[in-house]
Amino acid sequence: MRCTVVTTRPSPQHCRQRALAIEFWYGLAFIGSLIIEKPLEVIGDGELGDVVVESVDGNAVLFRASMGRISNIAFRQLAGGDWYCINITQGRLDLEGCDITSQALACVAIRDGADPRLRRNRIHDGKASGVLVQQNGLGTLEDNDIFANAFAGVAIRGGGNPILRLPALDFVGPSSLLVCTRRVQRPGVFPHGVEQPCS
């Protein structure tokens, strides 16, 4: 193990990174929210799960930079409330090879015109949808394992317009894809005809 860092109540200033790249080493447990506002690469060292970012009172990651890359990190949103595990509000984030779960809202939210690339992630055990694309969010989802979420694997509403690359997108659960228009659900898009909330 090269480094272990645990912070219990980091301030937003503490979490903002101004470097071009950060490598989190094996054994890192970061408790708090990462707020990324500048172009940045955040890469976990070791096996997936060796580096963990957990949040109990906010998003595990709030991404609002023009571009960035996050890979090989486990993200956990551990408490209820109005938080996503990963909240992408602008720019192009490459989110690759991560393990993502949320005990509050969706595991990943894409909104406000953000156009991320989600590849080879495990998105699971969310208390709502696995991925929520809304408010004119874009993005490309490919080769992700999206499973065991309370609602849809991918929920699209409010002008969301992602690209879903099939069959590399692997859904497991009662509802794979949910598209909402003006908050009216269209049951025909459910594989099993189940109506569920768009969240």
Protein backbone atom coordinates (compact mmCIF):
# COMPACT_ATOMS: atom_id res chain seq x y z
CA MET A 1 0.00 0.00 0.00
CA ARG A 2 1.48 3.36 -1.01
CA CYS A 3 -0.95 5.83 0.53
CA THR A 4 -4.02 5.97 2.75
CA VAL A 5 -5.94 9.22 3.11
CA VAL A 6 -9.22 9.56 5.00
CA THR A 7 -10.95 12.90 5.38
CA THR A 8 -14.24 13.13 7.22
CA ARG A 9 -15.50 16.65 6.53
CA PRO A 10 -13.63 18.26 3.65
CA SER A 11 -14.73 21.71 2.63
CA PRO A 12 -15.62 22.37 -1.02
CA GLN A 13 -12.35 24.33 -1.32
CA HIS A 14 -10.44 21.27 -0.11
CA CYS A 15 -12.00 19.09 -2.81
CA ARG A 16 -11.44 21.36 -5.80
CA GLN A 17 -8.47 20.19 -7.80
CA ARG A 18 -6.38 22.50 -9.96
CA ALA A 19 -3.80 19.99 -11.22
CA LEU A 20 -3.93 18.33 -14.64
CA ALA A 21 -3.90 14.78 -13.28
CA ILE A 22 -4.31 13.02 -9.94
CA GLU A 23 -3.50 9.37 -9.31
CA PHE A 24 -5.20 7.87 -6.27
CA TRP A 25 -3.05 5.06 -4.98
CA TYR A 26 -4.01 1.67 -3.68
CA GLY A 27 -5.74 1.77 -0.31
CA LEU A 28 -7.26 5.23 -0.60
CA ALA A 29 -10.59 5.80 1.13
CA PHE A 30 -11.86 9.32 0.50
CA ILE A 31 -15.00 10.33 2.40
CA GLY A 32 -16.61 13.48 1.04
CA SER A 33 -17.50 15.03 -2.30
CA LEU A 34 -15.15 15.57 -5.22
CA ILE A 35 -16.05 18.81 -6.99
CA ILE A 36 -14.28 19.01 -10.33
CA GLU A 37 -14.37 22.43 -12.00
CA LYS A 38 -11.20 22.34 -14.13
CA PRO A 39 -10.01 19.86 -16.79
CA LEU A 40 -8.63 16.94 -14.82
CA GLU A 41 -7.80 13.22 -14.92
CA VAL A 42 -8.52 11.20 -11.77
CA ILE A 43 -7.19 7.63 -11.96
CA GLY A 44 -7.32 4.90 -9.33
CA ASP A 45 -4.28 2.66 -8.90
CA GLY A 46 -4.57 -1.09 -8.38
CA GLU A 47 -7.67 -3.25 -8.78
CA LEU A 48 -11.17 -1.80 -9.01
CA GLY A 49 -12.29 -1.30 -5.40
CA ASP A 50 -8.81 -0.52 -4.06
CA VAL A 51 -9.64 3.20 -4.31
CA VAL A 52 -13.05 4.24 -2.93
CA VAL A 53 -14.79 7.62 -2.82
CA GLU A 54 -17.79 7.72 -0.46
CA SER A 55 -20.21 10.52 0.32
CA VAL A 56 -22.96 10.73 2.92
CA ASP A 57 -24.07 14.35 2.57
CA GLY A 58 -23.68 15.20 -1.12
CA ASN A 59 -22.80 13.86 -4.55
CA ALA A 60 -19.72 11.65 -4.49
CA VAL A 61 -18.66 13.55 -7.65
CA LEU A 62 -19.96 16.84 -9.00
CA PHE A 63 -18.45 17.33 -12.45
CA ARG A 64 -18.79 20.81 -13.97
CA ALA A 65 -15.62 21.21 -16.02
CA SER A 66 -15.19 21.42 -19.79
CA MET A 67 -13.50 18.00 -19.96
CA GLY A 68 -12.04 15.31 -17.78
CA ARG A 69 -11.44 11.63 -17.20
CA ILE A 70 -12.18 9.42 -14.20
CA SER A 71 -11.22 5.75 -14.20
CA ASN A 72 -10.79 2.70 -11.97
CA ILE A 73 -12.47 4.08 -8.82
CA ALA A 74 -15.40 2.78 -6.74
CA PHE A 75 -17.95 5.51 -5.95
CA ARG A 76 -20.60 5.19 -3.22
CA GLN A 77 -23.38 7.62 -2.26
CA LEU A 78 -24.19 6.17 1.17
CA ALA A 79 -27.12 8.16 2.54
CA GLY A 80 -30.56 9.17 1.36
CA GLY A 81 -31.39 12.70 0.30
CA ASP A 82 -31.41 14.62 -2.94
CA TRP A 83 -28.00 13.51 -4.15
CA TYR A 84 -26.67 11.50 -7.06
CA CYS A 85 -23.55 9.44 -6.77
CA ILE A 86 -22.07 11.10 -9.87
CA ASN A 87 -23.68 14.35 -11.05
CA ILE A 88 -22.43 15.54 -14.46
CA THR A 89 -23.69 19.04 -15.20
CA GLN A 90 -21.48 20.19 -18.07
CA GLY A 91 -18.66 19.26 -20.39
CA ARG A 92 -17.32 15.93 -21.60
CA LEU A 93 -16.31 13.53 -18.86
CA ASP A 94 -14.85 10.15 -19.81
CA LEU A 95 -16.02 7.85 -17.00
CA GLU A 96 -14.36 4.45 -17.48
CA GLY A 97 -14.00 1.24 -15.54
CA CYS A 98 -15.67 2.50 -12.33
CA ASP A 99 -18.03 0.85 -9.85
CA ILE A 100 -20.96 3.17 -8.97
CA THR A 101 -23.84 2.84 -6.50
CA SER A 102 -26.26 5.22 -4.78
CA GLN A 103 -28.51 5.01 -1.73
CA ALA A 104 -30.26 8.27 -2.68
CA LEU A 105 -31.17 9.24 -6.25
CA ALA A 106 -29.80 7.82 -9.53
CA CYS A 107 -26.27 6.42 -9.60
CA VAL A 108 -25.30 8.75 -12.49
CA ALA A 109 -27.13 11.93 -13.54
CA ILE A 110 -26.39 13.66 -16.84
CA ARG A 111 -28.00 17.07 -17.35
CA ASP A 112 -27.73 20.66 -18.55
CA GLY A 113 -26.21 19.78 -21.93
CA ALA A 114 -23.37 17.66 -20.50
CA ASP A 115 -22.03 15.14 -23.04
CA PRO A 116 -20.06 12.44 -21.15
CA ARG A 117 -18.82 9.04 -22.30
CA LEU A 118 -19.60 6.15 -19.93
CA ARG A 119 -17.65 2.99 -20.79
CA ARG A 120 -17.09 -0.33 -19.03
CA ASN A 121 -18.63 0.80 -15.71
CA ARG A 122 -20.62 -1.24 -13.18
CA ILE A 123 -23.69 0.85 -12.29
CA HIS A 124 -25.77 -1.00 -9.73
CA ASP A 125 -27.80 -1.17 -6.53
CA GLY A 126 -29.18 2.35 -6.90
CA LYS A 127 -32.27 3.39 -4.95
CA ALA A 128 -33.55 4.99 -8.18
CA SER A 129 -32.38 4.63 -11.81
CA GLY A 130 -28.92 3.49 -12.79
CA VAL A 131 -28.42 6.42 -15.20
CA LEU A 132 -30.75 9.42 -15.44
CA VAL A 133 -30.42 11.65 -18.51
CA GLN A 134 -32.51 14.82 -18.21
CA GLN A 135 -32.64 18.59 -18.82
CA ASN A 136 -31.07 18.35 -22.30
CA GLY A 137 -28.32 16.00 -21.16
CA LEU A 138 -26.52 14.05 -23.89
CA GLY A 139 -23.84 11.40 -23.54
CA THR A 140 -22.81 8.02 -24.93
CA LEU A 141 -23.22 4.84 -22.91
CA GLU A 142 -21.42 1.70 -24.08
CA ASP A 143 -20.26 -1.59 -22.62
CA ASN A 144 -21.63 -0.83 -19.13
CA ASP A 145 -23.11 -3.35 -16.69
CA ILE A 146 -26.27 -1.66 -15.38
CA PHE A 147 -28.15 -3.89 -12.94
CA ALA A 148 -30.10 -4.22 -9.67
CA ASN A 149 -31.37 -0.62 -9.61
CA ALA A 150 -34.77 0.13 -8.06
CA PHE A 151 -36.11 1.80 -11.22
CA ALA A 152 -34.95 1.81 -14.84
CA GLY A 153 -31.41 0.95 -15.85
CA VAL A 154 -31.46 4.13 -17.98
CA ALA A 155 -34.19 6.77 -17.57
CA ILE A 156 -34.49 9.54 -20.17
CA ARG A 157 -36.68 12.59 -19.58
CA GLY A 158 -36.92 16.36 -20.00
CA GLY A 159 -35.06 16.67 -23.30
CA GLY A 160 -32.41 14.05 -22.51
CA ASN A 161 -30.91 12.63 -25.71
CA PRO A 162 -28.16 10.04 -25.04
CA ILE A 163 -26.66 7.53 -27.45
CA LEU A 164 -27.02 3.97 -26.17
CA ARG A 165 -24.72 1.57 -27.96
CA LEU A 166 -26.38 -1.83 -28.10
CA PRO A 167 -25.91 -4.76 -27.62
CA ALA A 168 -22.83 -3.79 -25.60
CA LEU A 169 -25.09 -2.15 -23.02
CA ASP A 170 -25.94 -4.89 -20.51
CA PHE A 171 -29.13 -4.37 -18.50
CA VAL A 172 -30.36 -6.72 -15.84
CA GLY A 173 -33.54 -5.91 -13.90
CA PRO A 174 -37.27 -5.37 -14.15
CA SER A 175 -37.02 -2.35 -16.44
CA SER A 176 -34.19 -1.69 -18.82
CA LEU A 177 -35.13 1.59 -20.47
CA LEU A 178 -37.67 4.21 -19.47
CA VAL A 179 -38.46 7.25 -21.61
CA CYS A 180 -40.67 9.98 -20.11
CA THR A 181 -42.22 12.80 -22.10
CA ARG A 182 -43.81 15.63 -20.14
CA ARG A 183 -43.78 13.32 -17.12
CA VAL A 184 -46.14 10.94 -18.89
CA GLN A 185 -44.75 7.44 -18.93
CA ARG A 186 -44.97 5.34 -22.05
CA PRO A 187 -45.44 1.76 -20.87
CA GLY A 188 -44.58 0.38 -24.30
CA VAL A 189 -40.87 1.02 -23.74
CA PHE A 190 -40.72 -1.36 -20.78
CA PRO A 191 -39.70 -4.93 -21.53
CA HIS A 192 -42.23 -6.14 -18.95
CA GLY A 193 -44.80 -3.30 -19.20
CA VAL A 194 -44.06 -2.13 -15.67
CA GLU A 195 -44.79 1.52 -14.92
CA GLN A 196 -42.26 3.06 -12.57
CA PRO A 197 -41.28 6.61 -11.55
CA CYS A 198 -38.81 8.45 -13.78
CA SER A 199 -36.05 9.25 -11.30
